[in-house]
Amino acid sequence: MCPTEPYVLSGGKDKSVVLWSIQDHITSSATDPATAKSAGSSGSIIKQSPKPGDGNDKAADGPSVGPRGIYNGHEDTVEDVTFCPSSAQEFCSVGDDSCLILWDARVGTSPVIKVEKAHDADLHCVDWNPLDDNLILTGSADNSVRMFDRRNLTSNGVGSPINKFEGHSAAVLCVQWSPDKSSVFGSSAEDGLLNIWDYEKVGKKVEQGPRTTNYPAGLFFQHAGHRDKVVDFHWNASDPWTVVSVSDDCDSTGGGGTLQIWRMSDLIYRPQDEVLAELEKFKAHVISCTSKP
């Protein structure tokens, strides 16, 4: 769904990206079938659904609405699509051809930018940063998440990710930016983990204790409560740092799945100096309590 207009994007095994308008359905509902507009007059094809008993009962009641545009540029199945948060005319898609493609409906149905070999395997997911519309995330069967800056991409497909995040041991299935902080995002994968990253932490030195093991750059939280592959998750825009996640547990339990709603402790994402000061205060309070007779 587009965040600014009543538009819908879809992608499929036919290798195409399709743009739809919900408004076309609202308009066509009050339109006589005899005066339904053609694709050339409005960019939308309106067809009346067949009547029951005519051999095609699968169609829903009421009018069906054709696409505003069909965009071809992928060479394999389109796995995911998303709109630019600030424009209803700009969107991007990823597919099994390992390509990331940026589109602009105002300039036609051909790719504006096509990043060849965005990953080393199929791309499963993509998300556009709602707080910084220059940044795009992709997740892949190569077990990694990559971040692209569209200002670094050109129409001939030249462009490299500005960051690579490698903290999964299986294919990445879903990525999504946090609505609470522009540098934070999550990724879920077939390894059953949901990782929370902050790209601002990449390159920063972190003091580690003697029992601390090395972890991927940018990773600061890992939700490991699912039993099998985490197929989808979503940040709660109304409740900061709250996430709902879903796993497909068929392989491990023989059927069913799990939905979890969870929130990480604020000690994890608050500024380090502030957290340490609070913990020192708590430590002093505990010591004073235990020292009393």
Protein backbone atom coordinates (compact mmCIF):
# COMPACT_ATOMS: atom_id res chain seq x y z
CA MET A 1 0.00 0.00 0.00
CA CYS A 2 1.13 3.53 -0.74
CA PRO A 3 1.37 5.71 2.41
CA THR A 4 0.25 8.89 0.61
CA GLU A 5 -2.28 7.81 -2.06
CA PRO A 6 -4.81 4.95 -2.48
CA TYR A 7 -2.40 2.93 -4.63
CA VAL A 8 -1.40 -0.71 -4.41
CA LEU A 9 1.67 -2.46 -5.85
CA SER A 10 2.02 -6.14 -6.68
CA GLY A 11 4.66 -8.38 -8.18
CA GLY A 12 4.49 -11.95 -9.36
CA LYS A 13 5.86 -14.96 -11.16
CA ASP A 14 5.09 -13.28 -14.50
CA LYS A 15 8.17 -11.08 -13.79
CA SER A 16 6.12 -7.87 -13.80
CA VAL A 17 5.34 -5.13 -11.28
CA VAL A 18 1.75 -3.85 -11.39
CA LEU A 19 0.37 -0.56 -10.06
CA TRP A 20 -3.29 -0.39 -9.03
CA SER A 21 -5.55 2.38 -7.75
CA ILE A 22 -8.29 1.69 -5.21
CA GLN A 23 -9.89 4.91 -6.39
CA ASP A 24 -10.58 3.25 -9.74
CA HIS A 25 -12.80 0.73 -7.99
CA ILE A 26 -14.71 3.47 -6.16
CA THR A 27 -15.22 5.33 -9.43
CA SER A 28 -16.16 2.25 -11.43
CA SER A 29 -18.70 1.10 -8.86
CA ALA A 30 -20.93 4.00 -9.89
CA THR A 31 -20.18 3.66 -13.60
CA ASP A 32 -22.54 2.02 -16.03
CA PRO A 33 -20.84 -0.95 -17.72
CA ALA A 34 -21.75 0.46 -21.09
CA THR A 35 -19.79 3.64 -20.37
CA ALA A 36 -16.82 2.00 -18.64
CA LYS A 37 -13.63 3.72 -19.65
CA SER A 38 -10.88 2.04 -21.57
CA ALA A 39 -7.21 1.88 -20.64
CA GLY A 40 -6.37 4.68 -23.03
CA SER A 41 -8.73 7.20 -21.43
CA SER A 42 -7.86 6.78 -17.77
CA GLY A 43 -5.02 4.31 -17.46
CA SER A 44 -7.43 1.82 -15.93
CA ILE A 45 -9.40 -1.03 -17.45
CA ILE A 46 -12.78 -1.67 -15.87
CA LYS A 47 -14.43 -5.02 -16.46
CA GLN A 48 -17.68 -6.32 -15.07
CA SER A 49 -17.42 -9.64 -13.28
CA PRO A 50 -19.24 -12.57 -14.91
CA LYS A 51 -22.63 -13.53 -13.59
CA PRO A 52 -22.97 -16.69 -11.49
CA GLY A 53 -23.45 -19.79 -13.60
CA ASP A 54 -21.59 -18.56 -16.66
CA GLY A 55 -18.68 -20.91 -16.02
CA ASN A 56 -16.48 -18.49 -14.09
CA ASP A 57 -17.92 -18.32 -10.59
CA LYS A 58 -14.50 -17.67 -9.06
CA ALA A 59 -14.73 -13.96 -9.83
CA ALA A 60 -15.93 -11.75 -6.98
CA ASP A 61 -19.20 -9.84 -7.21
CA GLY A 62 -18.97 -6.32 -8.58
CA PRO A 63 -16.53 -4.72 -11.00
CA SER A 64 -12.92 -5.73 -11.34
CA VAL A 65 -10.38 -2.99 -11.88
CA GLY A 66 -7.45 -3.15 -14.26
CA PRO A 67 -3.96 -1.83 -13.48
CA ARG A 68 -2.78 1.75 -13.84
CA GLY A 69 0.50 0.45 -15.19
CA ILE A 70 2.47 -2.73 -15.83
CA TYR A 71 6.24 -2.44 -15.40
CA ASN A 72 8.61 -4.93 -17.00
CA GLY A 73 12.31 -5.18 -16.25
CA HIS A 74 12.87 -8.26 -14.13
CA GLU A 75 14.06 -11.53 -15.65
CA ASP A 76 12.55 -13.75 -12.95
CA THR A 77 9.86 -13.79 -10.24
CA VAL A 78 9.28 -10.48 -8.46
CA GLU A 79 9.49 -11.27 -4.74
CA ASP A 80 8.72 -7.90 -3.11
CA VAL A 81 7.71 -4.33 -3.90
CA THR A 82 7.47 -1.10 -1.91
CA PHE A 83 6.61 2.56 -2.45
CA CYS A 84 8.88 5.52 -1.80
CA PRO A 85 7.49 7.02 1.46
CA SER A 86 7.44 10.54 0.01
CA SER A 87 6.10 9.83 -3.48
CA ALA A 88 3.17 7.83 -4.82
CA GLN A 89 4.83 7.75 -8.25
CA GLU A 90 8.13 6.18 -7.19
CA PHE A 91 8.60 2.60 -6.07
CA CYS A 92 11.09 -0.25 -6.16
CA SER A 93 11.10 -4.01 -6.56
CA VAL A 94 13.38 -7.01 -6.04
CA GLY A 95 13.32 -10.47 -7.54
CA ASP A 96 14.86 -13.86 -8.08
CA ASP A 97 17.05 -12.34 -10.81
CA SER A 98 19.14 -10.74 -8.01
CA CYS A 99 18.11 -7.27 -9.22
CA LEU A 100 16.92 -4.17 -7.37
CA ILE A 101 14.90 -1.93 -9.68
CA LEU A 102 13.68 1.62 -9.07
CA TRP A 103 10.65 2.84 -11.02
CA ASP A 104 8.96 6.20 -11.63
CA ALA A 105 5.42 6.08 -13.03
CA ARG A 106 5.80 9.63 -14.36
CA VAL A 107 8.47 8.65 -16.90
CA GLY A 108 7.07 5.40 -18.26
CA THR A 109 7.04 1.69 -17.56
CA SER A 110 10.76 0.98 -17.99
CA PRO A 111 13.23 0.87 -15.08
CA VAL A 112 14.69 4.20 -13.98
CA ILE A 113 17.56 2.44 -12.20
CA LYS A 114 18.34 -1.26 -12.37
CA VAL A 115 20.97 -2.60 -9.98
CA GLU A 116 22.27 -5.84 -11.41
CA LYS A 117 23.60 -8.38 -8.94
CA ALA A 118 22.39 -6.46 -5.90
CA HIS A 119 23.06 -9.70 -3.97
CA ASP A 120 24.75 -13.00 -4.69
CA ALA A 121 21.44 -14.88 -4.78
CA ASP A 122 17.66 -14.37 -5.06
CA LEU A 123 16.29 -11.24 -3.37
CA HIS A 124 13.37 -11.91 -1.06
CA CYS A 125 12.47 -8.55 0.45
CA VAL A 126 12.90 -4.78 0.20
CA ASP A 127 11.97 -1.76 2.35
CA TRP A 128 12.30 1.99 1.87
CA ASN A 129 13.25 4.10 4.89
CA PRO A 130 10.20 6.16 5.98
CA LEU A 131 12.42 8.69 7.78
CA ASP A 132 15.13 8.99 5.10
CA ASP A 133 13.89 8.26 1.59
CA ASN A 134 17.42 7.91 0.20
CA LEU A 135 17.97 4.58 1.99
CA ILE A 136 16.69 1.21 0.78
CA LEU A 137 17.13 -2.20 2.44
CA THR A 138 17.23 -5.56 0.68
CA GLY A 139 17.31 -9.10 2.06
CA SER A 140 18.46 -12.18 0.17
CA ALA A 141 18.92 -15.93 0.02
CA ASP A 142 22.65 -15.22 0.42
CA ASN A 143 21.85 -14.73 4.16
CA SER A 144 22.68 -11.01 4.13
CA VAL A 145 20.98 -7.63 4.33
CA ARG A 146 22.29 -4.77 2.22
CA MET A 147 21.63 -1.05 2.40
CA PHE A 148 21.64 1.12 -0.72
CA ASP A 149 21.67 4.91 -1.07
CA ARG A 150 19.77 5.82 -4.20
CA ARG A 151 21.95 8.91 -4.65
CA ASN A 152 24.83 6.52 -5.40
CA LEU A 153 22.91 4.59 -8.04
CA THR A 154 22.90 5.38 -11.75
CA SER A 155 20.68 4.43 -14.68
CA ASN A 156 23.25 2.00 -16.09
CA GLY A 157 23.02 -0.18 -13.02
CA VAL A 158 26.27 0.92 -11.41
CA GLY A 159 26.12 1.12 -7.66
CA SER A 160 27.27 -0.71 -4.57
CA PRO A 161 25.59 -1.09 -1.18
CA ILE A 162 26.85 1.37 1.40
CA ASN A 163 26.59 -1.33 4.08
CA LYS A 164 26.36 -5.12 4.26
CA PHE A 165 24.90 -6.79 7.34
CA GLU A 166 25.79 -10.44 7.84
CA GLY A 167 24.28 -11.90 10.98
CA HIS A 168 22.00 -14.65 9.71
CA SER A 169 22.89 -18.25 8.91
CA ALA A 170 20.02 -18.78 6.45
CA ALA A 171 18.01 -16.90 3.85
CA VAL A 172 16.65 -13.49 4.91
CA LEU A 173 12.86 -13.38 4.46
CA CYS A 174 11.82 -9.95 5.71
CA VAL A 175 13.39 -6.54 6.37
CA GLN A 176 11.77 -3.41 7.77
CA TRP A 177 12.94 -0.03 8.96
CA SER A 178 11.98 1.11 12.45
CA PRO A 179 9.44 3.95 12.64
CA ASP A 180 11.13 5.15 15.84
CA LYS A 181 14.70 5.82 14.68
CA SER A 182 15.93 6.37 11.13
CA SER A 183 19.08 4.26 11.52
CA VAL A 184 17.41 1.18 13.06
CA PHE A 185 15.89 -1.76 11.19
CA GLY A 186 15.03 -5.40 11.66
CA SER A 187 15.63 -8.54 9.62
CA SER A 188 14.14 -12.01 9.98
CA ALA A 189 15.31 -15.24 8.40
CA GLU A 190 14.96 -18.97 8.00
CA ASP A 191 17.39 -19.44 10.91
CA GLY A 192 14.55 -18.53 13.30
CA LEU A 193 16.12 -15.25 14.39
CA LEU A 194 14.91 -11.67 14.20
CA ASN A 195 17.88 -9.31 14.33
CA ILE A 196 17.68 -5.63 15.20
CA TRP A 197 20.40 -3.44 13.67
CA ASP A 198 21.58 0.16 13.91
CA TYR A 199 23.79 1.23 11.01
CA GLU A 200 25.09 4.16 13.07
CA LYS A 201 26.86 1.61 15.26
CA VAL A 202 28.86 0.25 12.31
CA GLY A 203 32.50 1.24 12.68
CA LYS A 204 32.12 2.38 16.28
CA LYS A 205 34.33 0.77 18.88
CA VAL A 206 32.39 -1.03 21.60
CA GLU A 207 33.96 -1.92 24.92
CA GLN A 208 33.57 -5.65 25.44
CA GLY A 209 33.86 -7.62 28.63
CA PRO A 210 35.98 -10.78 28.99
CA ARG A 211 32.99 -13.05 28.31
CA THR A 212 31.68 -11.12 25.32
CA THR A 213 31.90 -12.83 21.94
CA ASN A 214 32.27 -11.08 18.61
CA TYR A 215 29.05 -10.13 16.86
CA PRO A 216 28.30 -8.59 13.45
CA ALA A 217 28.80 -4.85 13.04
CA GLY A 218 25.59 -2.94 13.66
CA LEU A 219 23.75 -5.78 15.43
CA PHE A 220 22.55 -4.76 18.89
CA PHE A 221 19.62 -7.08 19.65
CA GLN A 222 18.55 -10.58 18.65
CA HIS A 223 15.10 -12.04 19.26
CA ALA A 224 15.46 -15.82 19.44
CA GLY A 225 12.04 -16.77 20.78
CA HIS A 226 10.73 -18.51 17.66
CA ARG A 227 11.16 -22.24 17.00
CA ASP A 228 11.48 -22.04 13.23
CA LYS A 229 11.87 -19.61 10.32
CA VAL A 230 10.51 -16.11 10.97
CA VAL A 231 8.55 -15.39 7.81
CA ASP A 232 7.27 -11.90 8.66
CA PHE A 233 7.37 -9.16 11.28
CA HIS A 234 6.17 -5.60 11.71
CA TRP A 235 7.07 -2.63 13.93
CA ASN A 236 4.19 -1.03 15.85
CA ALA A 237 4.05 2.61 14.74
CA SER A 238 1.90 3.55 17.76
CA ASP A 239 3.88 1.74 20.46
CA PRO A 240 7.64 2.50 20.23
CA TRP A 241 10.06 -0.43 20.00
CA THR A 242 7.25 -2.99 19.92
CA VAL A 243 7.30 -5.73 17.30
CA VAL A 244 4.93 -8.47 16.14
CA SER A 245 6.59 -11.45 14.47
CA VAL A 246 5.34 -14.68 12.90
CA SER A 247 7.11 -18.00 12.38
CA ASP A 248 6.25 -21.00 10.25
CA ASP A 249 6.77 -23.96 12.57
CA CYS A 250 5.73 -26.74 10.18
CA ASP A 251 9.24 -28.16 9.81
CA SER A 252 9.88 -28.33 13.56
CA THR A 253 6.44 -29.15 14.96
CA GLY A 254 4.62 -30.78 12.05
CA GLY A 255 2.13 -27.94 11.63
CA GLY A 256 0.98 -24.51 12.67
CA GLY A 257 2.88 -21.35 13.42
CA THR A 258 3.55 -18.84 16.17
CA LEU A 259 2.72 -15.16 16.51
CA GLN A 260 4.62 -13.18 19.14
CA ILE A 261 4.29 -9.58 20.32
CA TRP A 262 7.35 -8.35 22.17
CA ARG A 263 9.30 -5.27 23.21
CA MET A 264 12.99 -5.04 24.02
CA SER A 265 14.17 -3.44 27.26
CA ASP A 266 14.86 0.28 26.97
CA LEU A 267 18.29 -0.39 28.51
CA ILE A 268 19.28 -1.82 25.12
CA TYR A 269 18.50 1.13 22.86
CA ARG A 270 18.89 4.15 25.13
CA PRO A 271 22.16 6.16 25.02
CA GLN A 272 24.95 4.15 26.65
CA ASP A 273 26.06 6.92 29.06
CA GLU A 274 22.50 7.35 30.28
CA VAL A 275 22.05 3.60 30.83
CA LEU A 276 25.38 3.22 32.66
CA ALA A 277 24.52 6.13 34.95
CA GLU A 278 21.17 4.55 35.78
CA LEU A 279 22.76 1.16 36.44
CA GLU A 280 25.41 2.71 38.70
CA LYS A 281 22.66 4.45 40.64
CA PHE A 282 20.80 1.15 40.99
CA LYS A 283 24.01 -0.63 41.99
CA ALA A 284 24.64 1.94 44.74
CA HIS A 285 21.08 1.50 45.97
CA VAL A 286 21.44 -2.30 46.11
CA ILE A 287 24.75 -2.03 47.99
CA SER A 288 23.27 0.38 50.50
CA CYS A 289 20.32 -1.95 51.09
CA THR A 290 22.47 -5.04 51.60
CA SER A 291 24.80 -3.24 53.99
CA LYS A 292 21.99 -2.38 56.37
CA PRO A 293 21.57 -4.75 59.37
